[in-house]
Structures are given as structure tokens and as C-alpha cells.
Amino acid sequence: MNSITYRFQAQELRTNVWEVVIGPEGLAEWLSAIRRRWPHARCITHGEFGLLWREHFKDNSRLDYRFHERGSGIGGSDADKEIRWFMNQEFRLALLRQTMNRGSAQVIDFTRYDLPAQEPRELTRNWSLMGQINQKQTRPQDRPLPWAELPLEDRKRIVRRYPELSTTRRSTPHATPPL
């Protein structure tokens, strides 16, 4: 299953991106299974989720959320891959790896929010803030990058915020992070 879990305070919110492809009958069955397993679960709209999020995060100073996704695509294709996202006030980072190979992590998205950004010049619905590397791979520099090839300054910035990504006890981020 391709899902994302958001946790804050005592609440856990889960969203799935595949429910539209299973059709009305499959959706009814899926929702019934959720109700059996988690009797107190609530289905809320994106708007409600946004209001809860803003209530909890009045500004971005405490923003620090992470996604861990196993498998991708419809029906969990690419089940042998996992992505870990780290997002905070300073940057966003995505690491992709083979689930059976802990040393295979590659940076597929890294955007620092302290660098100048520019809105697109043309009107478009397909826009996102693109930093050094972007997961959409629309530019030549957007190819997946081994952790060790990310500039040392950026690796240090990341490890300061997420020490668990350090590869040694002294927090010298040189090799592949231990995911």
C-alpha cells in the first residue's frame, strides 16, 4: 500500500493516493476494513486536514515532518524501493533506496529554503520550488545523487538537523546514511 502518515500531538492522520483507482466497490471495501481495524478513525477532507495542520503549526518555526514510503505506483509497484522525506524550515530532502540494500540510498530531492527562489515566468499548474536536485528530474542536474556526492556543507547541514543520518558517531557525514 502506498500511504503517508502524519503524526502530531496525539493524532495520526493517514492518506492514501491510490483510492481513486480501486473504484467505488473497492473503496467501500477498503473503508470498511479501515473501520474494522481502527474503529475510531475519521475520514476528513483536505480542507479539515489543512486547518488542523495550521492550528498545530502556526508558523514554520517548529515544522519538522517526515514521510516514509515503501513501494510506489499503482498496486505498490516498485515494492523493492523506499523513499524517506525530511522537511523542515531550512530544507527538504528525499532519499531513495532499495529496501534490501541499506547502502544504496541516493538523494533524489534536496532544496534549501535559504537560497533565492523565483516564481515561474509562464503560467503553469506544474510548478514546484526546485533546489539543487528535484525528484521530478526535469533538469540535467536532477539525476539521483549518491549521498557522498552531495556537497559536504549540505551534508553537515542535514546531519545537524537529523543526526540519525550521520554515518559515524562523530557526525561526519561522508558515506551513505544508515537508513
C-alpha atoms as a PDB file:
ATOM      1  CA  MET A   1       0.000   0.000   0.000  1.00  0.00           C
ATOM      2  CA  ASN A   2       1.233   3.447  -0.872  1.00  0.00           C
ATOM      3  CA  SER A   3       0.439   5.617   2.152  1.00  0.00           C
ATOM      4  CA  ILE A   4       1.739   8.576   4.092  1.00  0.00           C
ATOM      5  CA  THR A   5       1.248   9.016   7.817  1.00  0.00           C
ATOM      6  CA  TYR A   6       1.296  12.388   9.528  1.00  0.00           C
ATOM      7  CA  ARG A   7       1.745  12.419  13.304  1.00  0.00           C
ATOM      8  CA  PHE A   8       1.327  15.382  15.584  1.00  0.00           C
ATOM      9  CA  GLN A   9       0.157  15.650  19.176  1.00  0.00           C
ATOM     10  CA  ALA A  10      -1.882  12.526  19.931  1.00  0.00           C
ATOM     11  CA  GLN A  11      -3.371  12.303  16.451  1.00  0.00           C
ATOM     12  CA  GLU A  12      -2.317  10.249  13.484  1.00  0.00           C
ATOM     13  CA  LEU A  13      -3.619  11.091  10.051  1.00  0.00           C
ATOM     14  CA  ARG A  14      -3.113   8.745   7.125  1.00  0.00           C
ATOM     15  CA  THR A  15      -3.670   9.490   3.475  1.00  0.00           C
ATOM     16  CA  ASN A  16      -3.590   7.153   0.506  1.00  0.00           C
ATOM     17  CA  VAL A  17      -3.031   8.155  -3.071  1.00  0.00           C
ATOM     18  CA  TRP A  18      -4.397   5.049  -4.777  1.00  0.00           C
ATOM     19  CA  GLU A  19      -8.024   5.042  -3.623  1.00  0.00           C
ATOM     20  CA  VAL A  20      -9.289   6.579  -6.842  1.00  0.00           C
ATOM     21  CA  VAL A  21      -8.053   3.666  -8.965  1.00  0.00           C
ATOM     22  CA  ILE A  22      -9.813   0.916  -6.993  1.00  0.00           C
ATOM     23  CA  GLY A  23     -13.315   2.123  -7.901  1.00  0.00           C
ATOM     24  CA  PRO A  24     -16.443   2.595  -5.752  1.00  0.00           C
ATOM     25  CA  GLU A  25     -16.790  -1.077  -4.726  1.00  0.00           C
ATOM     26  CA  GLY A  26     -13.123  -1.369  -3.814  1.00  0.00           C
ATOM     27  CA  LEU A  27     -13.254   1.929  -1.955  1.00  0.00           C
ATOM     28  CA  ALA A  28     -16.271   0.812   0.105  1.00  0.00           C
ATOM     29  CA  GLU A  29     -14.498  -2.447   0.959  1.00  0.00           C
ATOM     30  CA  TRP A  30     -11.303  -0.595   1.859  1.00  0.00           C
ATOM     31  CA  LEU A  31     -13.130   1.884   4.105  1.00  0.00           C
ATOM     32  CA  SER A  32     -14.967  -0.983   5.846  1.00  0.00           C
ATOM     33  CA  ALA A  33     -11.646  -2.719   6.503  1.00  0.00           C
ATOM     34  CA  ILE A  34     -10.237   0.503   7.978  1.00  0.00           C
ATOM     35  CA  ARG A  35     -13.299   0.872  10.246  1.00  0.00           C
ATOM     36  CA  ARG A  36     -12.860  -2.727  11.489  1.00  0.00           C
ATOM     37  CA  ARG A  37      -9.150  -2.269  12.195  1.00  0.00           C
ATOM     38  CA  TRP A  38      -9.309   1.309  13.531  1.00  0.00           C
ATOM     39  CA  PRO A  39     -12.854   1.860  14.857  1.00  0.00           C
ATOM     40  CA  HIS A  40     -12.155   5.460  15.882  1.00  0.00           C
ATOM     41  CA  ALA A  41     -10.611   6.530  12.562  1.00  0.00           C
ATOM     42  CA  ARG A  42     -12.113   9.586  10.873  1.00  0.00           C
ATOM     43  CA  CYS A  43     -12.164  10.440   7.177  1.00  0.00           C
ATOM     44  CA  ILE A  44     -11.555  14.138   6.871  1.00  0.00           C
ATOM     45  CA  THR A  45     -11.316  16.437   3.887  1.00  0.00           C
ATOM     46  CA  HIS A  46      -8.095  18.051   2.734  1.00  0.00           C
ATOM     47  CA  GLY A  47      -9.530  21.329   4.000  1.00  0.00           C
ATOM     48  CA  GLU A  48     -10.051  19.920   7.508  1.00  0.00           C
ATOM     49  CA  PHE A  49      -6.553  18.490   7.442  1.00  0.00           C
ATOM     50  CA  GLY A  50      -5.174  21.879   6.398  1.00  0.00           C
ATOM     51  CA  LEU A  51      -6.992  23.613   9.251  1.00  0.00           C
ATOM     52  CA  LEU A  52      -5.708  21.053  11.783  1.00  0.00           C
ATOM     53  CA  TRP A  53      -2.197  21.471  10.387  1.00  0.00           C
ATOM     54  CA  ARG A  54      -2.329  25.273  10.631  1.00  0.00           C
ATOM     55  CA  GLU A  55      -3.745  25.062  14.149  1.00  0.00           C
ATOM     56  CA  HIS A  56      -0.786  22.947  15.193  1.00  0.00           C
ATOM     57  CA  PHE A  57       1.858  24.789  13.153  1.00  0.00           C
ATOM     58  CA  LYS A  58       1.001  28.479  13.466  1.00  0.00           C
ATOM     59  CA  ASP A  59       4.248  29.324  11.708  1.00  0.00           C
ATOM     60  CA  ASN A  60       7.062  27.226  10.273  1.00  0.00           C
ATOM     61  CA  SER A  61       9.409  27.531  13.253  1.00  0.00           C
ATOM     62  CA  ARG A  62       8.546  24.052  14.604  1.00  0.00           C
ATOM     63  CA  LEU A  63       7.920  22.447  11.244  1.00  0.00           C
ATOM     64  CA  ASP A  64       9.738  19.130  11.046  1.00  0.00           C
ATOM     65  CA  TYR A  65       7.932  16.300   9.367  1.00  0.00           C
ATOM     66  CA  ARG A  66       8.975  13.085   7.742  1.00  0.00           C
ATOM     67  CA  PHE A  67       7.425  10.640   5.324  1.00  0.00           C
ATOM     68  CA  HIS A  68       8.479   7.061   4.878  1.00  0.00           C
ATOM     69  CA  GLU A  69       7.035   5.407   1.811  1.00  0.00           C
ATOM     70  CA  ARG A  70       7.590   1.802   0.735  1.00  0.00           C
ATOM     71  CA  GLY A  71       6.675   0.884  -2.810  1.00  0.00           C
ATOM     72  CA  SER A  72       5.346   3.321  -5.321  1.00  0.00           C
ATOM     73  CA  GLY A  73       2.871   3.432  -8.136  1.00  0.00           C
ATOM     74  CA  ILE A  74      -0.424   1.641  -8.517  1.00  0.00           C
ATOM     75  CA  GLY A  75      -0.626  -1.623  -6.620  1.00  0.00           C
ATOM     76  CA  GLY A  76       2.662  -0.992  -4.845  1.00  0.00           C
ATOM     77  CA  SER A  77       4.839  -1.433  -7.922  1.00  0.00           C
ATOM     78  CA  ASP A  78       8.488  -0.816  -7.147  1.00  0.00           C
ATOM     79  CA  ALA A  79       7.846  -2.584  -3.846  1.00  0.00           C
ATOM     80  CA  ASP A  80      11.608  -3.038  -3.524  1.00  0.00           C
ATOM     81  CA  LYS A  81      12.143   0.714  -3.094  1.00  0.00           C
ATOM     82  CA  GLU A  82      11.532   3.143  -0.292  1.00  0.00           C
ATOM     83  CA  ILE A  83      11.665   6.894  -0.042  1.00  0.00           C
ATOM     84  CA  ARG A  84      12.324   8.885   3.121  1.00  0.00           C
ATOM     85  CA  TRP A  85      11.405  12.561   3.101  1.00  0.00           C
ATOM     86  CA  PHE A  86      12.693  15.043   5.664  1.00  0.00           C
ATOM     87  CA  MET A  87      11.128  18.512   5.599  1.00  0.00           C
ATOM     88  CA  ASN A  88      11.670  21.441   7.908  1.00  0.00           C
ATOM     89  CA  GLN A  89      12.018  25.202   7.884  1.00  0.00           C
ATOM     90  CA  GLU A  90      15.536  25.035   6.377  1.00  0.00           C
ATOM     91  CA  PHE A  91      15.243  22.428   3.610  1.00  0.00           C
ATOM     92  CA  ARG A  92      13.539  19.384   2.179  1.00  0.00           C
ATOM     93  CA  LEU A  93      15.399  16.154   1.468  1.00  0.00           C
ATOM     94  CA  ALA A  94      14.339  12.884  -0.156  1.00  0.00           C
ATOM     95  CA  LEU A  95      16.435   9.723  -0.043  1.00  0.00           C
ATOM     96  CA  LEU A  96      15.574   6.736  -2.259  1.00  0.00           C
ATOM     97  CA  ARG A  97      16.984   3.275  -1.655  1.00  0.00           C
ATOM     98  CA  GLN A  98      16.476  -0.392  -2.410  1.00  0.00           C
ATOM     99  CA  THR A  99      14.782  -1.950   0.623  1.00  0.00           C
ATOM    100  CA  MET A 100      17.166  -4.901   0.688  1.00  0.00           C
ATOM    101  CA  ASN A 101      20.304  -2.769   0.327  1.00  0.00           C
ATOM    102  CA  ARG A 102      20.787  -0.313   3.168  1.00  0.00           C
ATOM    103  CA  GLY A 103      23.831   1.221   1.498  1.00  0.00           C
ATOM    104  CA  SER A 104      22.008   2.163  -1.704  1.00  0.00           C
ATOM    105  CA  ALA A 105      20.473   5.478  -0.569  1.00  0.00           C
ATOM    106  CA  GLN A 106      20.578   8.244  -3.139  1.00  0.00           C
ATOM    107  CA  VAL A 107      19.487  11.849  -2.860  1.00  0.00           C
ATOM    108  CA  ILE A 108      16.593  12.417  -5.269  1.00  0.00           C
ATOM    109  CA  ASP A 109      15.456  15.791  -3.911  1.00  0.00           C
ATOM    110  CA  PHE A 110      17.285  18.471  -1.935  1.00  0.00           C
ATOM    111  CA  THR A 111      16.071  22.050  -1.724  1.00  0.00           C
ATOM    112  CA  ARG A 112      17.434  24.645   0.669  1.00  0.00           C
ATOM    113  CA  TYR A 113      14.930  27.332   1.590  1.00  0.00           C
ATOM    114  CA  ASP A 114      17.577  29.950   2.401  1.00  0.00           C
ATOM    115  CA  LEU A 115      18.651  30.326  -1.229  1.00  0.00           C
ATOM    116  CA  PRO A 116      16.964  32.716  -3.685  1.00  0.00           C
ATOM    117  CA  ALA A 117      13.845  31.308  -5.350  1.00  0.00           C
ATOM    118  CA  GLN A 118      11.977  32.523  -8.382  1.00  0.00           C
ATOM    119  CA  GLU A 119       8.381  32.007  -9.461  1.00  0.00           C
ATOM    120  CA  PRO A 120       7.935  30.587 -12.976  1.00  0.00           C
ATOM    121  CA  ARG A 121       7.695  33.202 -15.722  1.00  0.00           C
ATOM    122  CA  GLU A 122       4.892  31.393 -17.555  1.00  0.00           C
ATOM    123  CA  LEU A 123       1.524  30.443 -16.108  1.00  0.00           C
ATOM    124  CA  THR A 124       1.637  26.746 -15.295  1.00  0.00           C
ATOM    125  CA  ARG A 125      -0.070  24.284 -12.986  1.00  0.00           C
ATOM    126  CA  ASN A 126       3.019  22.082 -12.825  1.00  0.00           C
ATOM    127  CA  TRP A 127       5.302  24.160 -10.619  1.00  0.00           C
ATOM    128  CA  SER A 128       7.315  23.485  -7.519  1.00  0.00           C
ATOM    129  CA  LEU A 129      10.229  25.093  -5.758  1.00  0.00           C
ATOM    130  CA  MET A 130      13.242  23.397  -7.289  1.00  0.00           C
ATOM    131  CA  GLY A 131      16.507  23.408  -5.429  1.00  0.00           C
ATOM    132  CA  GLN A 132      19.776  21.658  -6.094  1.00  0.00           C
ATOM    133  CA  ILE A 133      18.115  18.336  -7.024  1.00  0.00           C
ATOM    134  CA  ASN A 134      14.414  17.791  -7.726  1.00  0.00           C
ATOM    135  CA  GLN A 135      12.594  14.468  -7.769  1.00  0.00           C
ATOM    136  CA  LYS A 136      10.742  15.390 -10.977  1.00  0.00           C
ATOM    137  CA  GLN A 137      14.041  15.126 -12.883  1.00  0.00           C
ATOM    138  CA  THR A 138      13.113  17.867 -15.345  1.00  0.00           C
ATOM    139  CA  ARG A 139      16.584  19.456 -15.397  1.00  0.00           C
ATOM    140  CA  PRO A 140      20.005  17.942 -16.169  1.00  0.00           C
ATOM    141  CA  GLN A 141      21.176  18.277 -12.524  1.00  0.00           C
ATOM    142  CA  ASP A 142      18.132  16.377 -11.231  1.00  0.00           C
ATOM    143  CA  ARG A 143      19.649  12.914 -11.555  1.00  0.00           C
ATOM    144  CA  PRO A 144      19.754  10.826  -8.335  1.00  0.00           C
ATOM    145  CA  LEU A 145      22.961  11.535  -6.460  1.00  0.00           C
ATOM    146  CA  PRO A 146      24.857   9.264  -4.066  1.00  0.00           C
ATOM    147  CA  TRP A 147      24.904  10.795  -0.557  1.00  0.00           C
ATOM    148  CA  ALA A 148      28.705  11.158  -0.643  1.00  0.00           C
ATOM    149  CA  GLU A 149      28.461  13.341  -3.779  1.00  0.00           C
ATOM    150  CA  LEU A 150      26.227  15.898  -2.087  1.00  0.00           C
ATOM    151  CA  PRO A 151      28.427  18.864  -1.114  1.00  0.00           C
ATOM    152  CA  LEU A 152      29.953  18.437   2.354  1.00  0.00           C
ATOM    153  CA  GLU A 153      28.403  21.719   3.545  1.00  0.00           C
ATOM    154  CA  ASP A 154      24.939  20.386   2.676  1.00  0.00           C
ATOM    155  CA  ARG A 155      25.577  17.002   4.323  1.00  0.00           C
ATOM    156  CA  LYS A 156      26.685  18.803   7.501  1.00  0.00           C
ATOM    157  CA  ARG A 157      23.546  20.975   7.400  1.00  0.00           C
ATOM    158  CA  ILE A 158      21.395  17.855   7.057  1.00  0.00           C
ATOM    159  CA  VAL A 159      23.161  15.926   9.846  1.00  0.00           C
ATOM    160  CA  ARG A 160      22.894  18.911  12.222  1.00  0.00           C
ATOM    161  CA  ARG A 161      19.118  18.684  11.836  1.00  0.00           C
ATOM    162  CA  TYR A 162      18.873  14.869  11.549  1.00  0.00           C
ATOM    163  CA  PRO A 163      21.761  13.259  13.472  1.00  0.00           C
ATOM    164  CA  GLU A 164      20.377   9.793  12.696  1.00  0.00           C
ATOM    165  CA  LEU A 165      21.583  10.335   9.120  1.00  0.00           C
ATOM    166  CA  SER A 166      25.165  10.586  10.334  1.00  0.00           C
ATOM    167  CA  THR A 167      27.364   7.714   9.226  1.00  0.00           C
ATOM    168  CA  THR A 168      29.709   7.765  12.219  1.00  0.00           C
ATOM    169  CA  ARG A 169      29.480   8.521  15.932  1.00  0.00           C
ATOM    170  CA  ARG A 170      31.331  11.812  15.397  1.00  0.00           C
ATOM    171  CA  SER A 171      28.682  13.003  12.903  1.00  0.00           C
ATOM    172  CA  THR A 172      30.995  13.238   9.942  1.00  0.00           C
ATOM    173  CA  PRO A 173      28.575  12.690   7.065  1.00  0.00           C
ATOM    174  CA  HIS A 174      30.799  11.103   4.431  1.00  0.00           C
ATOM    175  CA  ALA A 175      29.407   7.706   3.432  1.00  0.00           C
ATOM    176  CA  THR A 176      25.847   6.606   2.732  1.00  0.00           C
ATOM    177  CA  PRO A 177      23.458   7.442   5.586  1.00  0.00           C
ATOM    178  CA  PRO A 178      22.275   4.444   7.627  1.00  0.00           C
ATOM    179  CA  LEU A 179      18.614   4.262   6.695  1.00  0.00           C
END
